[in-house]
Amino acid sequence: MLKLLPNHFKKIGLFVAPLGLLLWVAMQKGLISDITLYFGLSNSTPLNIITAIVGLLSFLFGIYAMAFSKEKIEDEMIKNIRLESFRTAALIQIILITTGLILVGLMKEPPKDAGMMLFFIAAIIIFWFTYIIRFNYIVHFRIFKNDK
């Protein structure tokens, strides 16, 4: 069985994931190159590569920390909600991938390799966002509302 991270990693993930995504987007938009030119550096390629790697790994670690951190009270109900959330996220991912591939097949000019890679990366990210959002909604809002 997979060992879950301690509860405090959830807060770390909530901070690190958006920060990593912002770093990666800043690199993609060319903001890192603009900053290096502002400071008088002519070659921004190494800094772009470092920013992209750090941003992506930070984002992935943040998502991992949010998805696999224990709750304050980790019992059988939480384990069942975790499993149901995985099932729901997998079902939504399968539906999106199937629909997306059908739409790509119907296109007159289907996307090239980079477009398909982006499509599958988005499908993976949607899976994890769906899992995290559903799990936390049920644990923190639906159960809390029923306890009142």
C-alpha atoms as a PDB file:
ATOM      1  CA  MET A   1       0.000   0.000   0.000  1.00  0.00           C
ATOM      2  CA  LEU A   2       1.167   3.487  -0.796  1.00  0.00           C
ATOM      3  CA  LYS A   3       2.304   5.448   2.233  1.00  0.00           C
ATOM      4  CA  LEU A   4       0.642   8.850   2.483  1.00  0.00           C
ATOM      5  CA  LEU A   5       2.532  12.023   3.304  1.00  0.00           C
ATOM      6  CA  PRO A   6       1.936  13.755   6.643  1.00  0.00           C
ATOM      7  CA  ASN A   7      -0.955  16.224   6.785  1.00  0.00           C
ATOM      8  CA  HIS A   8       1.192  19.374   6.681  1.00  0.00           C
ATOM      9  CA  PHE A   9       2.334  18.514   3.127  1.00  0.00           C
ATOM     10  CA  LYS A  10      -1.139  19.488   1.885  1.00  0.00           C
ATOM     11  CA  LYS A  11      -0.433  23.126   2.828  1.00  0.00           C
ATOM     12  CA  ILE A  12       2.992  22.938   1.223  1.00  0.00           C
ATOM     13  CA  GLY A  13       1.391  21.583  -1.957  1.00  0.00           C
ATOM     14  CA  LEU A  14      -1.177  24.386  -1.988  1.00  0.00           C
ATOM     15  CA  PHE A  15       1.693  26.881  -2.015  1.00  0.00           C
ATOM     16  CA  VAL A  16       4.181  25.081  -4.294  1.00  0.00           C
ATOM     17  CA  ALA A  17       1.850  23.935  -7.119  1.00  0.00           C
ATOM     18  CA  PRO A  18       0.588  27.409  -8.151  1.00  0.00           C
ATOM     19  CA  LEU A  19       4.080  28.849  -7.752  1.00  0.00           C
ATOM     20  CA  GLY A  20       5.515  26.176 -10.054  1.00  0.00           C
ATOM     21  CA  LEU A  21       2.750  26.726 -12.592  1.00  0.00           C
ATOM     22  CA  LEU A  22       3.375  30.487 -12.549  1.00  0.00           C
ATOM     23  CA  LEU A  23       7.110  29.935 -13.096  1.00  0.00           C
ATOM     24  CA  TRP A  24       6.455  27.631 -16.026  1.00  0.00           C
ATOM     25  CA  VAL A  25       3.912  30.018 -17.594  1.00  0.00           C
ATOM     26  CA  ALA A  26       6.299  32.946 -17.102  1.00  0.00           C
ATOM     27  CA  MET A  27       8.987  31.030 -18.990  1.00  0.00           C
ATOM     28  CA  GLN A  28       6.557  30.097 -21.773  1.00  0.00           C
ATOM     29  CA  LYS A  29       5.385  33.701 -22.164  1.00  0.00           C
ATOM     30  CA  GLY A  30       8.980  34.938 -22.440  1.00  0.00           C
ATOM     31  CA  LEU A  31       8.998  36.886 -19.184  1.00  0.00           C
ATOM     32  CA  ILE A  32      12.224  35.202 -18.035  1.00  0.00           C
ATOM     33  CA  SER A  33      13.954  36.277 -21.255  1.00  0.00           C
ATOM     34  CA  ASP A  34      12.690  39.833 -20.744  1.00  0.00           C
ATOM     35  CA  ILE A  35      14.031  39.870 -17.195  1.00  0.00           C
ATOM     36  CA  THR A  36      17.458  38.613 -18.295  1.00  0.00           C
ATOM     37  CA  LEU A  37      17.600  41.264 -21.039  1.00  0.00           C
ATOM     38  CA  TYR A  38      16.640  43.924 -18.482  1.00  0.00           C
ATOM     39  CA  PHE A  39      19.625  42.939 -16.327  1.00  0.00           C
ATOM     40  CA  GLY A  40      21.934  42.969 -19.366  1.00  0.00           C
ATOM     41  CA  LEU A  41      22.350  39.228 -19.924  1.00  0.00           C
ATOM     42  CA  SER A  42      22.259  38.298 -23.596  1.00  0.00           C
ATOM     43  CA  ASN A  43      21.846  34.509 -23.332  1.00  0.00           C
ATOM     44  CA  SER A  44      18.665  33.603 -21.468  1.00  0.00           C
ATOM     45  CA  THR A  45      18.524  29.968 -22.605  1.00  0.00           C
ATOM     46  CA  PRO A  46      20.108  28.405 -19.471  1.00  0.00           C
ATOM     47  CA  LEU A  47      17.847  30.443 -17.190  1.00  0.00           C
ATOM     48  CA  ASN A  48      14.796  29.500 -19.294  1.00  0.00           C
ATOM     49  CA  ILE A  49      15.688  25.818 -19.033  1.00  0.00           C
ATOM     50  CA  ILE A  50      16.264  26.017 -15.275  1.00  0.00           C
ATOM     51  CA  THR A  51      13.002  27.963 -14.793  1.00  0.00           C
ATOM     52  CA  ALA A  52      11.035  25.452 -16.878  1.00  0.00           C
ATOM     53  CA  ILE A  53      12.459  22.467 -14.987  1.00  0.00           C
ATOM     54  CA  VAL A  54      12.029  24.022 -11.532  1.00  0.00           C
ATOM     55  CA  GLY A  55       8.524  25.255 -12.406  1.00  0.00           C
ATOM     56  CA  LEU A  56       7.344  21.907 -13.768  1.00  0.00           C
ATOM     57  CA  LEU A  57       8.854  19.866 -10.942  1.00  0.00           C
ATOM     58  CA  SER A  58       7.440  22.264  -8.347  1.00  0.00           C
ATOM     59  CA  PHE A  59       4.002  22.004  -9.935  1.00  0.00           C
ATOM     60  CA  LEU A  60       4.177  18.198 -10.021  1.00  0.00           C
ATOM     61  CA  PHE A  61       5.411  17.985  -6.425  1.00  0.00           C
ATOM     62  CA  GLY A  62       2.627  20.338  -5.308  1.00  0.00           C
ATOM     63  CA  ILE A  63      -0.019  18.231  -7.035  1.00  0.00           C
ATOM     64  CA  TYR A  64       1.504  15.077  -5.527  1.00  0.00           C
ATOM     65  CA  ALA A  65       1.550  16.638  -2.049  1.00  0.00           C
ATOM     66  CA  MET A  66      -2.085  17.735  -2.310  1.00  0.00           C
ATOM     67  CA  ALA A  67      -3.251  14.372  -3.638  1.00  0.00           C
ATOM     68  CA  PHE A  68      -1.320  12.075  -1.316  1.00  0.00           C
ATOM     69  CA  SER A  69      -1.359  13.873   2.038  1.00  0.00           C
ATOM     70  CA  LYS A  70      -3.168  12.362   4.989  1.00  0.00           C
ATOM     71  CA  GLU A  71      -6.173  14.056   6.462  1.00  0.00           C
ATOM     72  CA  LYS A  72      -6.088  14.996  10.144  1.00  0.00           C
ATOM     73  CA  ILE A  73      -8.299  11.979  10.819  1.00  0.00           C
ATOM     74  CA  GLU A  74      -7.531   9.210   8.356  1.00  0.00           C
ATOM     75  CA  ASP A  75     -10.159   6.479   8.744  1.00  0.00           C
ATOM     76  CA  GLU A  76     -12.027   3.994   6.556  1.00  0.00           C
ATOM     77  CA  MET A  77     -14.515   6.631   5.379  1.00  0.00           C
ATOM     78  CA  ILE A  78     -11.663   8.847   4.125  1.00  0.00           C
ATOM     79  CA  LYS A  79     -10.089   5.859   2.362  1.00  0.00           C
ATOM     80  CA  ASN A  80     -13.411   5.091   0.633  1.00  0.00           C
ATOM     81  CA  ILE A  81     -13.836   8.729  -0.415  1.00  0.00           C
ATOM     82  CA  ARG A  82     -10.270   8.681  -1.744  1.00  0.00           C
ATOM     83  CA  LEU A  83     -11.039   5.557  -3.803  1.00  0.00           C
ATOM     84  CA  GLU A  84     -14.346   6.961  -5.103  1.00  0.00           C
ATOM     85  CA  SER A  85     -12.583  10.176  -6.089  1.00  0.00           C
ATOM     86  CA  PHE A  86      -9.989   8.187  -8.058  1.00  0.00           C
ATOM     87  CA  ARG A  87     -12.765   6.288  -9.832  1.00  0.00           C
ATOM     88  CA  THR A  88     -14.630   9.485 -10.691  1.00  0.00           C
ATOM     89  CA  ALA A  89     -11.468  11.201 -11.932  1.00  0.00           C
ATOM     90  CA  ALA A  90     -10.598   8.159 -14.069  1.00  0.00           C
ATOM     91  CA  LEU A  91     -14.100   8.048 -15.568  1.00  0.00           C
ATOM     92  CA  ILE A  92     -14.015  11.753 -16.424  1.00  0.00           C
ATOM     93  CA  GLN A  93     -10.543  11.361 -17.929  1.00  0.00           C
ATOM     94  CA  ILE A  94     -11.661   8.437 -20.101  1.00  0.00           C
ATOM     95  CA  ILE A  95     -14.702  10.384 -21.292  1.00  0.00           C
ATOM     96  CA  LEU A  96     -12.590  13.453 -22.123  1.00  0.00           C
ATOM     97  CA  ILE A  97      -9.904  11.456 -23.934  1.00  0.00           C
ATOM     98  CA  THR A  98     -12.484   9.500 -25.937  1.00  0.00           C
ATOM     99  CA  THR A  99     -14.404  12.645 -26.867  1.00  0.00           C
ATOM    100  CA  GLY A 100     -11.181  14.469 -27.700  1.00  0.00           C
ATOM    101  CA  LEU A 101      -9.873  11.682 -29.923  1.00  0.00           C
ATOM    102  CA  ILE A 102     -13.207  11.472 -31.754  1.00  0.00           C
ATOM    103  CA  LEU A 103     -13.108  15.232 -32.334  1.00  0.00           C
ATOM    104  CA  VAL A 104      -9.492  15.016 -33.544  1.00  0.00           C
ATOM    105  CA  GLY A 105     -10.523  12.249 -35.935  1.00  0.00           C
ATOM    106  CA  LEU A 106     -13.293  14.451 -37.357  1.00  0.00           C
ATOM    107  CA  MET A 107     -11.008  17.462 -37.906  1.00  0.00           C
ATOM    108  CA  LYS A 108      -9.962  18.375 -41.443  1.00  0.00           C
ATOM    109  CA  GLU A 109      -6.504  19.341 -40.186  1.00  0.00           C
ATOM    110  CA  PRO A 110      -5.716  17.368 -37.012  1.00  0.00           C
ATOM    111  CA  PRO A 111      -3.116  18.781 -34.622  1.00  0.00           C
ATOM    112  CA  LYS A 112       0.524  17.854 -35.067  1.00  0.00           C
ATOM    113  CA  ASP A 113       2.667  16.039 -32.506  1.00  0.00           C
ATOM    114  CA  ALA A 114       2.976  19.017 -30.145  1.00  0.00           C
ATOM    115  CA  GLY A 115      -0.791  19.553 -30.148  1.00  0.00           C
ATOM    116  CA  MET A 116      -1.473  15.924 -29.316  1.00  0.00           C
ATOM    117  CA  MET A 117       1.162  15.967 -26.584  1.00  0.00           C
ATOM    118  CA  LEU A 118      -0.491  19.045 -25.083  1.00  0.00           C
ATOM    119  CA  PHE A 119      -3.881  17.289 -25.300  1.00  0.00           C
ATOM    120  CA  PHE A 120      -2.635  14.275 -23.339  1.00  0.00           C
ATOM    121  CA  ILE A 121      -0.804  16.433 -20.773  1.00  0.00           C
ATOM    122  CA  ALA A 122      -4.048  18.356 -20.244  1.00  0.00           C
ATOM    123  CA  ALA A 123      -5.905  15.048 -19.796  1.00  0.00           C
ATOM    124  CA  ILE A 124      -3.444  13.977 -17.102  1.00  0.00           C
ATOM    125  CA  ILE A 125      -3.665  17.325 -15.295  1.00  0.00           C
ATOM    126  CA  ILE A 126      -7.472  17.258 -15.475  1.00  0.00           C
ATOM    127  CA  PHE A 127      -7.402  13.807 -13.850  1.00  0.00           C
ATOM    128  CA  TRP A 128      -5.432  15.087 -10.846  1.00  0.00           C
ATOM    129  CA  PHE A 129      -7.423  18.312 -10.529  1.00  0.00           C
ATOM    130  CA  THR A 130     -10.676  16.334 -10.650  1.00  0.00           C
ATOM    131  CA  TYR A 131      -9.419  13.961  -7.957  1.00  0.00           C
ATOM    132  CA  ILE A 132      -8.154  16.738  -5.667  1.00  0.00           C
ATOM    133  CA  ILE A 133     -11.247  18.928  -6.062  1.00  0.00           C
ATOM    134  CA  ARG A 134     -13.750  16.084  -5.607  1.00  0.00           C
ATOM    135  CA  PHE A 135     -11.946  14.546  -2.634  1.00  0.00           C
ATOM    136  CA  ASN A 136     -11.532  17.832  -0.784  1.00  0.00           C
ATOM    137  CA  TYR A 137     -15.082  18.941  -1.585  1.00  0.00           C
ATOM    138  CA  ILE A 138     -16.578  15.773  -0.131  1.00  0.00           C
ATOM    139  CA  VAL A 139     -14.285  15.623   2.902  1.00  0.00           C
ATOM    140  CA  HIS A 140     -14.313  19.295   3.862  1.00  0.00           C
ATOM    141  CA  PHE A 141     -17.671  20.607   2.665  1.00  0.00           C
ATOM    142  CA  ARG A 142     -20.221  17.839   2.189  1.00  0.00           C
ATOM    143  CA  ILE A 143     -19.338  15.896   5.335  1.00  0.00           C
ATOM    144  CA  PHE A 144     -18.949  19.095   7.349  1.00  0.00           C
ATOM    145  CA  LYS A 145     -22.366  20.286   6.137  1.00  0.00           C
ATOM    146  CA  ASN A 146     -23.963  16.960   7.118  1.00  0.00           C
ATOM    147  CA  ASP A 147     -22.385  17.089  10.599  1.00  0.00           C
ATOM    148  CA  LYS A 148     -24.223  20.342  11.431  1.00  0.00           C
END
